[in-house]
Amino acid sequence: MVAPTYNAAIRQDGPWWIGWVEEIPGVNSQGATRDELLENLREALSEALAMNREDARRAAGDPYEEVAIQP
């Protein structure tokens, strides 16, 4: 299975780089460099997806079926 790709809107703001993952509300970060920002966004995205996954599985209850979907 191919991992999905997400888009980030990023910009430099004074000495900081800031960015937002477009597809997932609330996933944003900052960094002292562009590379640091991108790594921070990857980490924030990974954590948000893991938390959302746990919430969805808990809401579904047992037993549940997990299926892959594409937009």
N, C-alpha and C. Protein backbone atom coordinates (compact mmCIF):
# COMPACT_ATOMS: atom_id res chain seq x y z
N MET A 1 0.85 -1.18 0.00
CA MET A 1 0.00 0.00 0.00
C MET A 1 0.89 1.24 0.00
N VAL A 2 0.58 2.18 -0.86
CA VAL A 2 1.35 3.42 -0.96
C VAL A 2 0.87 4.38 0.13
N ALA A 3 1.82 4.96 0.85
CA ALA A 3 1.47 5.92 1.91
C ALA A 3 0.90 7.19 1.28
N PRO A 4 -0.13 7.76 1.91
CA PRO A 4 -0.69 9.00 1.37
C PRO A 4 0.30 10.15 1.48
N THR A 5 0.11 11.13 0.63
CA THR A 5 0.93 12.34 0.65
C THR A 5 0.08 13.48 1.16
N TYR A 6 0.67 14.31 2.00
CA TYR A 6 -0.02 15.47 2.54
C TYR A 6 0.71 16.72 2.08
N ASN A 7 -0.01 17.83 2.04
CA ASN A 7 0.57 19.11 1.63
C ASN A 7 0.70 20.02 2.84
N ALA A 8 1.77 20.79 2.86
CA ALA A 8 1.96 21.76 3.93
C ALA A 8 2.16 23.14 3.32
N ALA A 9 1.48 24.10 3.90
CA ALA A 9 1.70 25.51 3.56
C ALA A 9 2.75 26.01 4.55
N ILE A 10 3.89 26.47 4.04
CA ILE A 10 4.97 26.91 4.92
C ILE A 10 5.45 28.30 4.52
N ARG A 11 6.02 29.01 5.50
CA ARG A 11 6.62 30.31 5.18
C ARG A 11 7.60 30.68 6.28
N GLN A 12 8.50 31.56 5.93
CA GLN A 12 9.43 32.09 6.91
C GLN A 12 8.82 33.34 7.53
N ASP A 13 8.88 33.43 8.84
CA ASP A 13 8.32 34.55 9.58
C ASP A 13 9.41 35.06 10.52
N GLY A 14 10.15 36.07 10.07
CA GLY A 14 11.31 36.52 10.84
C GLY A 14 12.33 35.41 10.89
N PRO A 15 12.83 35.08 12.07
CA PRO A 15 13.84 34.02 12.14
C PRO A 15 13.24 32.61 12.11
N TRP A 16 11.92 32.48 12.19
CA TRP A 16 11.28 31.17 12.29
C TRP A 16 10.64 30.75 10.97
N TRP A 17 10.55 29.46 10.77
CA TRP A 17 9.75 28.88 9.71
C TRP A 17 8.50 28.33 10.37
N ILE A 18 7.33 28.58 9.79
CA ILE A 18 6.08 28.07 10.33
C ILE A 18 5.31 27.36 9.22
N GLY A 19 4.50 26.38 9.61
CA GLY A 19 3.77 25.63 8.59
C GLY A 19 2.54 24.93 9.13
N TRP A 20 1.64 24.61 8.21
CA TRP A 20 0.37 23.97 8.50
C TRP A 20 0.14 22.85 7.51
N VAL A 21 -0.26 21.68 7.99
CA VAL A 21 -0.65 20.59 7.11
C VAL A 21 -2.07 20.89 6.65
N GLU A 22 -2.24 21.01 5.35
CA GLU A 22 -3.51 21.48 4.80
C GLU A 22 -4.68 20.53 5.03
N GLU A 23 -4.43 19.24 4.98
CA GLU A 23 -5.53 18.27 5.02
C GLU A 23 -5.99 17.90 6.44
N ILE A 24 -5.21 18.22 7.44
CA ILE A 24 -5.54 17.82 8.82
C ILE A 24 -5.58 19.06 9.71
N PRO A 25 -6.78 19.51 10.08
CA PRO A 25 -6.88 20.69 10.93
C PRO A 25 -6.10 20.52 12.23
N GLY A 26 -5.44 21.58 12.65
CA GLY A 26 -4.72 21.56 13.91
C GLY A 26 -3.31 21.04 13.85
N VAL A 27 -2.88 20.53 12.68
CA VAL A 27 -1.51 20.02 12.57
C VAL A 27 -0.66 21.15 12.01
N ASN A 28 0.12 21.75 12.89
CA ASN A 28 0.99 22.85 12.52
C ASN A 28 2.22 22.81 13.41
N SER A 29 3.26 23.54 13.00
CA SER A 29 4.48 23.56 13.79
C SER A 29 5.35 24.72 13.35
N GLN A 30 6.51 24.79 13.97
CA GLN A 30 7.50 25.80 13.61
C GLN A 30 8.89 25.19 13.77
N GLY A 31 9.87 25.89 13.23
CA GLY A 31 11.25 25.44 13.36
C GLY A 31 12.20 26.58 13.07
N ALA A 32 13.41 26.45 13.55
CA ALA A 32 14.42 27.47 13.33
C ALA A 32 14.92 27.47 11.90
N THR A 33 14.80 26.31 11.23
CA THR A 33 15.19 26.20 9.82
C THR A 33 14.05 25.53 9.06
N ARG A 34 14.11 25.61 7.76
CA ARG A 34 13.09 24.96 6.92
C ARG A 34 13.09 23.45 7.16
N ASP A 35 14.28 22.86 7.20
CA ASP A 35 14.37 21.42 7.42
C ASP A 35 13.82 21.03 8.79
N GLU A 36 14.11 21.82 9.81
CA GLU A 36 13.59 21.53 11.14
C GLU A 36 12.06 21.63 11.15
N LEU A 37 11.52 22.64 10.48
CA LEU A 37 10.07 22.77 10.37
C LEU A 37 9.47 21.53 9.73
N LEU A 38 10.02 21.10 8.60
CA LEU A 38 9.46 19.95 7.90
C LEU A 38 9.51 18.69 8.76
N GLU A 39 10.59 18.50 9.50
CA GLU A 39 10.68 17.34 10.40
C GLU A 39 9.64 17.47 11.52
N ASN A 40 9.48 18.67 12.07
CA ASN A 40 8.49 18.89 13.11
C ASN A 40 7.07 18.64 12.59
N LEU A 41 6.80 19.06 11.35
CA LEU A 41 5.48 18.81 10.76
C LEU A 41 5.24 17.32 10.56
N ARG A 42 6.26 16.59 10.11
CA ARG A 42 6.12 15.14 9.94
C ARG A 42 5.78 14.47 11.27
N GLU A 43 6.46 14.89 12.32
CA GLU A 43 6.22 14.32 13.64
C GLU A 43 4.82 14.67 14.14
N ALA A 44 4.41 15.93 13.99
CA ALA A 44 3.08 16.35 14.42
C ALA A 44 2.00 15.61 13.63
N LEU A 45 2.20 15.43 12.34
CA LEU A 45 1.24 14.71 11.50
C LEU A 45 1.15 13.25 11.94
N SER A 46 2.27 12.62 12.17
CA SER A 46 2.29 11.23 12.60
C SER A 46 1.54 11.06 13.92
N GLU A 47 1.78 11.95 14.87
CA GLU A 47 1.11 11.87 16.17
C GLU A 47 -0.40 12.10 16.02
N ALA A 48 -0.79 13.08 15.20
CA ALA A 48 -2.21 13.36 15.00
C ALA A 48 -2.92 12.18 14.36
N LEU A 49 -2.30 11.56 13.35
CA LEU A 49 -2.91 10.41 12.70
C LEU A 49 -3.06 9.24 13.66
N ALA A 50 -2.05 9.02 14.50
CA ALA A 50 -2.12 7.93 15.48
C ALA A 50 -3.25 8.19 16.48
N MET A 51 -3.37 9.42 16.95
CA MET A 51 -4.45 9.74 17.91
C MET A 51 -5.82 9.60 17.25
N ASN A 52 -5.95 10.07 16.00
CA ASN A 52 -7.22 9.96 15.28
C ASN A 52 -7.58 8.49 15.05
N ARG A 53 -6.57 7.68 14.73
CA ARG A 53 -6.79 6.25 14.50
C ARG A 53 -7.31 5.59 15.78
N GLU A 54 -6.68 5.90 16.91
CA GLU A 54 -7.12 5.34 18.19
C GLU A 54 -8.55 5.77 18.51
N ASP A 55 -8.85 7.05 18.29
CA ASP A 55 -10.20 7.56 18.57
C ASP A 55 -11.24 6.85 17.70
N ALA A 56 -10.94 6.66 16.42
CA ALA A 56 -11.88 6.01 15.50
C ALA A 56 -12.12 4.56 15.92
N ARG A 57 -11.05 3.84 16.27
CA ARG A 57 -11.20 2.44 16.68
C ARG A 57 -11.99 2.33 17.97
N ARG A 58 -11.74 3.23 18.89
CA ARG A 58 -12.48 3.23 20.15
C ARG A 58 -13.96 3.53 19.89
N ALA A 59 -14.25 4.48 19.01
CA ALA A 59 -15.63 4.84 18.69
C ALA A 59 -16.36 3.70 17.99
N ALA A 60 -15.64 2.95 17.16
CA ALA A 60 -16.26 1.84 16.42
C ALA A 60 -16.64 0.70 17.35
N GLY A 61 -15.90 0.51 18.43
CA GLY A 61 -16.16 -0.60 19.33
C GLY A 61 -15.75 -1.92 18.70
N ASP A 62 -15.90 -2.98 19.47
CA ASP A 62 -15.55 -4.32 18.98
C ASP A 62 -16.82 -5.09 18.64
N PRO A 63 -16.84 -5.89 17.63
CA PRO A 63 -15.81 -6.01 16.62
C PRO A 63 -15.96 -4.90 15.58
N TYR A 64 -14.89 -4.59 14.87
CA TYR A 64 -14.95 -3.62 13.78
C TYR A 64 -14.13 -4.15 12.62
N GLU A 65 -14.42 -3.62 11.46
CA GLU A 65 -13.67 -3.96 10.25
C GLU A 65 -12.93 -2.72 9.80
N GLU A 66 -11.70 -2.90 9.42
CA GLU A 66 -10.88 -1.79 8.93
C GLU A 66 -10.70 -1.96 7.42
N VAL A 67 -11.08 -0.93 6.65
CA VAL A 67 -10.94 -0.99 5.19
C VAL A 67 -10.20 0.24 4.71
N ALA A 68 -9.41 0.09 3.66
CA ALA A 68 -8.68 1.22 3.07
C ALA A 68 -9.60 1.91 2.06
N ILE A 69 -9.60 3.23 2.09
CA ILE A 69 -10.41 4.01 1.14
C ILE A 69 -9.54 5.10 0.52
N GLN A 70 -9.93 5.55 -0.63
CA GLN A 70 -9.24 6.65 -1.29
C GLN A 70 -10.28 7.70 -1.68
N PRO A 71 -9.88 8.97 -1.69
CA PRO A 71 -10.83 10.01 -2.10
C PRO A 71 -11.17 9.91 -3.58
